[in-house]
Amino acid sequence: MKYTFTAVFTPKEDKSGYLCRVPDLPGCISSGSTLEEAIHKITDAASVWLVDAEEDGEAVALPTPQDMIIRDPEDTVSVILIDTIAYRAATDTRAVRKNVSLPAWMANLADKKGINCSQVLQEGLLAKFGA
């Protein structure tokens, strides 16, 4: 799934970086020593938050419009884009064995043509996921 949320970046009092949060995702916080690092870290934290929500079957609230987000005047806001399918592909690379059934003629023809059925299945599933 692809999501768009607003993140809020608050400068640390000692000017050593930023604290960041996604107000629409309760508990989704991070920090970074630069704004760029903070953007990467909050995007990663939001990805984990959303993957967990998807796995638990939890509904994800629609993002709040930026002008409705409560923030201090010194805060910076930025839209962050989260793609949970891409995140899963990058972080969960374990191979899982799945038994599938194919007609014998199809399996034989795939073998003769050197077609990797696992690869074809992965490509097909990614296409179904819209990735």
N, C-alpha and C. Protein backbone atom coordinates (compact mmCIF):
# COMPACT_ATOMS: atom_id res chain seq x y z
N MET A 1 0.84 -1.18 0.00
CA MET A 1 0.00 0.00 0.00
C MET A 1 0.89 1.24 0.00
N LYS A 2 0.35 2.29 -0.59
CA LYS A 2 1.07 3.56 -0.61
C LYS A 2 0.28 4.56 0.21
N TYR A 3 0.98 5.31 1.04
CA TYR A 3 0.38 6.29 1.93
C TYR A 3 1.11 7.62 1.81
N THR A 4 0.40 8.69 2.12
CA THR A 4 0.98 10.02 2.21
C THR A 4 0.53 10.63 3.53
N PHE A 5 1.48 11.03 4.35
CA PHE A 5 1.18 11.66 5.64
C PHE A 5 2.06 12.90 5.80
N THR A 6 1.67 13.73 6.74
CA THR A 6 2.48 14.90 7.08
C THR A 6 3.28 14.59 8.33
N ALA A 7 4.56 14.91 8.30
CA ALA A 7 5.43 14.78 9.46
C ALA A 7 5.76 16.17 9.97
N VAL A 8 5.92 16.28 11.28
CA VAL A 8 6.26 17.54 11.92
C VAL A 8 7.68 17.42 12.49
N PHE A 9 8.51 18.40 12.20
CA PHE A 9 9.91 18.40 12.62
C PHE A 9 10.15 19.59 13.55
N THR A 10 10.51 19.29 14.79
CA THR A 10 10.72 20.31 15.81
C THR A 10 12.22 20.40 16.09
N PRO A 11 12.81 21.61 15.95
CA PRO A 11 14.23 21.74 16.27
C PRO A 11 14.49 21.44 17.75
N LYS A 12 15.55 20.68 18.03
CA LYS A 12 15.92 20.41 19.42
C LYS A 12 16.38 21.71 20.06
N GLU A 13 16.15 21.83 21.37
CA GLU A 13 16.51 23.05 22.09
C GLU A 13 17.99 23.37 21.96
N ASP A 14 18.84 22.34 21.94
CA ASP A 14 20.29 22.57 21.86
C ASP A 14 20.77 22.69 20.40
N LYS A 15 19.81 22.74 19.47
CA LYS A 15 20.11 22.91 18.03
C LYS A 15 20.91 21.75 17.45
N SER A 16 20.85 20.57 18.09
CA SER A 16 21.63 19.42 17.62
C SER A 16 20.85 18.55 16.63
N GLY A 17 19.70 19.02 16.20
CA GLY A 17 18.93 18.24 15.24
C GLY A 17 17.44 18.48 15.41
N TYR A 18 16.68 17.47 15.05
CA TYR A 18 15.22 17.58 15.03
C TYR A 18 14.55 16.38 15.69
N LEU A 19 13.49 16.65 16.41
CA LEU A 19 12.57 15.62 16.85
C LEU A 19 11.47 15.59 15.80
N CYS A 20 10.98 14.42 15.46
CA CYS A 20 9.95 14.37 14.43
C CYS A 20 8.85 13.39 14.82
N ARG A 21 7.67 13.66 14.27
CA ARG A 21 6.50 12.84 14.58
C ARG A 21 5.53 12.88 13.41
N VAL A 22 4.69 11.86 13.36
CA VAL A 22 3.58 11.83 12.40
C VAL A 22 2.32 11.86 13.26
N PRO A 23 1.67 13.02 13.36
CA PRO A 23 0.54 13.15 14.27
C PRO A 23 -0.60 12.15 14.02
N ASP A 24 -0.78 11.72 12.79
CA ASP A 24 -1.86 10.79 12.47
C ASP A 24 -1.55 9.34 12.83
N LEU A 25 -0.30 9.06 13.22
CA LEU A 25 0.11 7.70 13.59
C LEU A 25 0.59 7.74 15.04
N PRO A 26 -0.30 7.48 15.99
CA PRO A 26 0.05 7.61 17.41
C PRO A 26 1.32 6.85 17.79
N GLY A 27 2.24 7.57 18.43
CA GLY A 27 3.50 6.97 18.87
C GLY A 27 4.57 6.90 17.81
N CYS A 28 4.29 7.37 16.63
CA CYS A 28 5.26 7.33 15.53
C CYS A 28 6.16 8.56 15.65
N ILE A 29 7.33 8.36 16.26
CA ILE A 29 8.27 9.45 16.51
C ILE A 29 9.69 8.99 16.15
N SER A 30 10.55 9.95 15.93
CA SER A 30 11.95 9.67 15.66
C SER A 30 12.74 10.96 15.84
N SER A 31 14.00 10.95 15.44
CA SER A 31 14.82 12.16 15.49
C SER A 31 15.96 12.01 14.50
N GLY A 32 16.59 13.13 14.21
CA GLY A 32 17.73 13.12 13.31
C GLY A 32 18.59 14.34 13.55
N SER A 33 19.87 14.23 13.22
CA SER A 33 20.78 15.34 13.45
C SER A 33 20.65 16.42 12.38
N THR A 34 20.10 16.07 11.22
CA THR A 34 19.80 17.05 10.18
C THR A 34 18.36 16.84 9.75
N LEU A 35 17.81 17.81 9.05
CA LEU A 35 16.44 17.67 8.57
C LEU A 35 16.34 16.49 7.60
N GLU A 36 17.34 16.33 6.73
CA GLU A 36 17.33 15.22 5.78
C GLU A 36 17.33 13.87 6.51
N GLU A 37 18.19 13.74 7.51
CA GLU A 37 18.24 12.50 8.28
C GLU A 37 16.92 12.27 9.02
N ALA A 38 16.35 13.32 9.58
CA ALA A 38 15.08 13.20 10.29
C ALA A 38 13.96 12.75 9.35
N ILE A 39 13.96 13.26 8.12
CA ILE A 39 12.95 12.84 7.13
C ILE A 39 13.10 11.35 6.84
N HIS A 40 14.32 10.88 6.64
CA HIS A 40 14.55 9.46 6.38
C HIS A 40 14.11 8.61 7.57
N LYS A 41 14.46 9.05 8.77
CA LYS A 41 14.14 8.26 9.96
C LYS A 41 12.64 8.22 10.25
N ILE A 42 11.94 9.33 10.07
CA ILE A 42 10.51 9.31 10.34
C ILE A 42 9.78 8.53 9.25
N THR A 43 10.29 8.56 8.04
CA THR A 43 9.69 7.74 6.98
C THR A 43 9.85 6.26 7.30
N ASP A 44 11.01 5.88 7.81
CA ASP A 44 11.24 4.50 8.22
C ASP A 44 10.31 4.12 9.38
N ALA A 45 10.21 5.00 10.38
CA ALA A 45 9.34 4.73 11.53
C ALA A 45 7.88 4.60 11.10
N ALA A 46 7.44 5.46 10.19
CA ALA A 46 6.07 5.38 9.69
C ALA A 46 5.85 4.10 8.90
N SER A 47 6.85 3.67 8.17
CA SER A 47 6.75 2.41 7.42
C SER A 47 6.54 1.24 8.36
N VAL A 48 7.32 1.19 9.43
CA VAL A 48 7.17 0.12 10.43
C VAL A 48 5.78 0.19 11.05
N TRP A 49 5.33 1.39 11.42
CA TRP A 49 4.02 1.58 12.04
C TRP A 49 2.92 1.05 11.12
N LEU A 50 2.99 1.41 9.85
CA LEU A 50 1.95 1.04 8.90
C LEU A 50 2.00 -0.46 8.55
N VAL A 51 3.19 -1.04 8.44
CA VAL A 51 3.30 -2.48 8.19
C VAL A 51 2.66 -3.24 9.35
N ASP A 52 2.95 -2.82 10.58
CA ASP A 52 2.35 -3.46 11.75
C ASP A 52 0.83 -3.34 11.72
N ALA A 53 0.32 -2.17 11.38
CA ALA A 53 -1.13 -1.96 11.31
C ALA A 53 -1.75 -2.86 10.24
N GLU A 54 -1.11 -2.95 9.09
CA GLU A 54 -1.61 -3.82 8.02
C GLU A 54 -1.64 -5.28 8.47
N GLU A 55 -0.56 -5.72 9.11
CA GLU A 55 -0.48 -7.11 9.55
C GLU A 55 -1.50 -7.43 10.62
N ASP A 56 -1.83 -6.44 11.46
CA ASP A 56 -2.82 -6.64 12.52
C ASP A 56 -4.25 -6.38 12.05
N GLY A 57 -4.41 -6.00 10.78
CA GLY A 57 -5.74 -5.74 10.24
C GLY A 57 -6.38 -4.48 10.78
N GLU A 58 -5.56 -3.55 11.28
CA GLU A 58 -6.08 -2.29 11.82
C GLU A 58 -6.37 -1.29 10.71
N ALA A 59 -7.42 -0.53 10.90
CA ALA A 59 -7.74 0.53 9.95
C ALA A 59 -6.74 1.67 10.12
N VAL A 60 -6.35 2.27 9.02
CA VAL A 60 -5.43 3.42 9.06
C VAL A 60 -6.25 4.66 8.74
N ALA A 61 -6.19 5.62 9.64
CA ALA A 61 -6.96 6.86 9.47
C ALA A 61 -6.46 7.64 8.26
N LEU A 62 -7.36 8.39 7.67
CA LEU A 62 -6.97 9.28 6.58
C LEU A 62 -6.08 10.38 7.13
N PRO A 63 -5.14 10.88 6.33
CA PRO A 63 -4.24 11.93 6.83
C PRO A 63 -5.00 13.24 7.09
N THR A 64 -4.59 13.92 8.13
CA THR A 64 -5.14 15.22 8.48
C THR A 64 -4.56 16.26 7.53
N PRO A 65 -5.38 17.19 7.01
CA PRO A 65 -4.82 18.26 6.17
C PRO A 65 -3.76 19.04 6.95
N GLN A 66 -2.70 19.48 6.27
CA GLN A 66 -1.60 20.16 6.95
C GLN A 66 -2.05 21.37 7.76
N ASP A 67 -3.01 22.13 7.24
CA ASP A 67 -3.41 23.34 7.97
C ASP A 67 -4.19 23.02 9.24
N MET A 68 -4.54 21.75 9.45
CA MET A 68 -5.26 21.35 10.65
C MET A 68 -4.34 20.72 11.70
N ILE A 69 -3.08 20.53 11.36
CA ILE A 69 -2.13 19.90 12.28
C ILE A 69 -1.61 20.93 13.27
N ILE A 70 -1.70 20.57 14.54
CA ILE A 70 -1.23 21.47 15.61
C ILE A 70 0.30 21.40 15.66
N ARG A 71 0.91 22.57 15.60
CA ARG A 71 2.37 22.64 15.63
C ARG A 71 2.81 24.01 16.13
N ASP A 72 4.06 24.09 16.55
CA ASP A 72 4.63 25.35 17.00
C ASP A 72 5.15 26.13 15.81
N PRO A 73 5.29 27.45 15.95
CA PRO A 73 5.74 28.27 14.81
C PRO A 73 7.12 27.88 14.27
N GLU A 74 8.01 27.37 15.14
CA GLU A 74 9.35 27.01 14.66
C GLU A 74 9.41 25.62 14.01
N ASP A 75 8.31 24.89 14.07
CA ASP A 75 8.26 23.55 13.46
C ASP A 75 8.23 23.65 11.94
N THR A 76 8.77 22.61 11.33
CA THR A 76 8.71 22.44 9.88
C THR A 76 7.81 21.25 9.62
N VAL A 77 6.99 21.34 8.59
CA VAL A 77 6.17 20.19 8.21
C VAL A 77 6.56 19.74 6.80
N SER A 78 6.42 18.46 6.56
CA SER A 78 6.75 17.91 5.25
C SER A 78 5.86 16.71 4.98
N VAL A 79 5.49 16.56 3.74
CA VAL A 79 4.76 15.36 3.33
C VAL A 79 5.78 14.24 3.19
N ILE A 80 5.43 13.07 3.73
CA ILE A 80 6.29 11.90 3.55
C ILE A 80 5.46 10.84 2.82
N LEU A 81 6.14 10.11 1.96
CA LEU A 81 5.50 9.05 1.18
C LEU A 81 5.98 7.71 1.71
N ILE A 82 5.03 6.82 1.97
CA ILE A 82 5.35 5.51 2.50
C ILE A 82 4.79 4.46 1.57
N ASP A 83 5.61 3.51 1.16
CA ASP A 83 5.19 2.39 0.33
C ASP A 83 5.51 1.13 1.12
N THR A 84 4.48 0.53 1.74
CA THR A 84 4.73 -0.62 2.61
C THR A 84 5.16 -1.86 1.83
N ILE A 85 4.76 -1.98 0.59
CA ILE A 85 5.22 -3.14 -0.19
C ILE A 85 6.71 -3.01 -0.47
N ALA A 86 7.16 -1.82 -0.87
CA ALA A 86 8.59 -1.60 -1.10
C ALA A 86 9.38 -1.77 0.20
N TYR A 87 8.81 -1.31 1.32
CA TYR A 87 9.48 -1.45 2.61
C TYR A 87 9.63 -2.93 2.96
N ARG A 88 8.57 -3.70 2.78
CA ARG A 88 8.64 -5.13 3.08
C ARG A 88 9.68 -5.81 2.18
N ALA A 89 9.70 -5.45 0.91
CA ALA A 89 10.64 -6.06 -0.03
C ALA A 89 12.09 -5.76 0.37
N ALA A 90 12.32 -4.58 0.93
CA ALA A 90 13.67 -4.19 1.31
C ALA A 90 14.10 -4.77 2.66
N THR A 91 13.14 -5.05 3.54
CA THR A 91 13.51 -5.43 4.90
C THR A 91 13.21 -6.89 5.25
N ASP A 92 12.30 -7.52 4.56
CA ASP A 92 11.94 -8.91 4.88
C ASP A 92 12.28 -9.78 3.68
N THR A 93 13.52 -10.20 3.62
CA THR A 93 14.00 -10.94 2.45
C THR A 93 14.05 -12.45 2.69
N ARG A 94 13.41 -12.89 3.77
CA ARG A 94 13.38 -14.33 4.04
C ARG A 94 12.64 -15.05 2.90
N ALA A 95 13.11 -16.22 2.55
CA ALA A 95 12.40 -17.05 1.58
C ALA A 95 11.44 -17.95 2.34
N VAL A 96 10.22 -18.07 1.85
CA VAL A 96 9.21 -18.92 2.45
C VAL A 96 8.77 -19.93 1.41
N ARG A 97 8.77 -21.17 1.77
CA ARG A 97 8.37 -22.23 0.84
C ARG A 97 6.85 -22.31 0.80
N LYS A 98 6.31 -22.27 -0.42
CA LYS A 98 4.88 -22.41 -0.65
C LYS A 98 4.69 -23.53 -1.66
N ASN A 99 3.81 -24.43 -1.36
CA ASN A 99 3.47 -25.49 -2.32
C ASN A 99 2.36 -24.97 -3.22
N VAL A 100 2.56 -25.11 -4.51
CA VAL A 100 1.52 -24.71 -5.47
C VAL A 100 1.23 -25.91 -6.37
N SER A 101 0.06 -25.91 -6.91
CA SER A 101 -0.33 -26.97 -7.84
C SER A 101 -0.42 -26.41 -9.24
N LEU A 102 0.19 -27.13 -10.18
CA LEU A 102 0.14 -26.77 -11.59
C LEU A 102 -0.29 -28.01 -12.37
N PRO A 103 -0.96 -27.81 -13.47
CA PRO A 103 -1.21 -28.96 -14.33
C PRO A 103 0.13 -29.54 -14.79
N ALA A 104 0.20 -30.86 -14.92
CA ALA A 104 1.45 -31.52 -15.28
C ALA A 104 2.04 -30.98 -16.57
N TRP A 105 1.19 -30.73 -17.58
CA TRP A 105 1.70 -30.25 -18.85
C TRP A 105 2.37 -28.89 -18.69
N MET A 106 1.81 -28.04 -17.78
CA MET A 106 2.37 -26.70 -17.58
C MET A 106 3.73 -26.79 -16.88
N ALA A 107 3.81 -27.65 -15.88
CA ALA A 107 5.07 -27.83 -15.15
C ALA A 107 6.14 -28.38 -16.09
N ASN A 108 5.78 -29.34 -16.92
CA ASN A 108 6.74 -29.93 -17.86
C ASN A 108 7.22 -28.90 -18.88
N LEU A 109 6.30 -28.13 -19.42
CA LEU A 109 6.67 -27.11 -20.41
C LEU A 109 7.54 -26.03 -19.77
N ALA A 110 7.23 -25.63 -18.55
CA ALA A 110 8.06 -24.64 -17.85
C ALA A 110 9.47 -25.18 -17.67
N ASP A 111 9.59 -26.43 -17.27
CA ASP A 111 10.91 -27.05 -17.10
C ASP A 111 11.68 -27.06 -18.42
N LYS A 112 11.02 -27.44 -19.51
CA LYS A 112 11.68 -27.51 -20.82
C LYS A 112 12.15 -26.15 -21.28
N LYS A 113 11.39 -25.10 -20.95
CA LYS A 113 11.74 -23.74 -21.38
C LYS A 113 12.65 -23.04 -20.37
N GLY A 114 12.99 -23.72 -19.27
CA GLY A 114 13.87 -23.13 -18.27
C GLY A 114 13.23 -21.99 -17.49
N ILE A 115 11.91 -22.06 -17.34
CA ILE A 115 11.18 -21.00 -16.62
C ILE A 115 11.23 -21.29 -15.12
N ASN A 116 11.61 -20.29 -14.36
CA ASN A 116 11.66 -20.40 -12.90
C ASN A 116 10.26 -20.06 -12.37
N CYS A 117 9.53 -21.08 -11.96
CA CYS A 117 8.14 -20.88 -11.52
C CYS A 117 8.06 -19.99 -10.28
N SER A 118 9.02 -20.09 -9.39
CA SER A 118 9.02 -19.22 -8.20
C SER A 118 9.13 -17.75 -8.61
N GLN A 119 10.02 -17.48 -9.57
CA GLN A 119 10.19 -16.10 -10.03
C GLN A 119 8.92 -15.59 -10.70
N VAL A 120 8.30 -16.42 -11.53
CA VAL A 120 7.07 -16.03 -12.21
C VAL A 120 5.96 -15.75 -11.20
N LEU A 121 5.88 -16.59 -10.17
CA LEU A 121 4.88 -16.37 -9.13
C LEU A 121 5.13 -15.06 -8.39
N GLN A 122 6.38 -14.78 -8.05
CA GLN A 122 6.71 -13.53 -7.38
C GLN A 122 6.34 -12.32 -8.24
N GLU A 123 6.67 -12.37 -9.51
CA GLU A 123 6.35 -11.26 -10.43
C GLU A 123 4.85 -11.08 -10.54
N GLY A 124 4.13 -12.18 -10.64
CA GLY A 124 2.67 -12.11 -10.73
C GLY A 124 2.03 -11.53 -9.48
N LEU A 125 2.53 -11.94 -8.32
CA LEU A 125 2.00 -11.41 -7.06
C LEU A 125 2.30 -9.92 -6.93
N LEU A 126 3.50 -9.50 -7.29
CA LEU A 126 3.81 -8.07 -7.24
C LEU A 126 2.88 -7.27 -8.16
N ALA A 127 2.59 -7.81 -9.32
CA ALA A 127 1.67 -7.13 -10.24
C ALA A 127 0.28 -7.04 -9.62
N LYS A 128 -0.16 -8.10 -8.95
CA LYS A 128 -1.47 -8.08 -8.29
C LYS A 128 -1.51 -7.08 -7.14
N PHE A 129 -0.36 -6.90 -6.46
CA PHE A 129 -0.27 -5.95 -5.36
C PHE A 129 -0.22 -4.51 -5.86
N GLY A 130 0.01 -4.33 -7.15
CA GLY A 130 0.12 -2.99 -7.70
C GLY A 130 1.48 -2.37 -7.48
N ALA A 131 2.47 -3.20 -7.25
CA ALA A 131 3.83 -2.68 -6.97
C ALA A 131 4.63 -2.58 -8.24
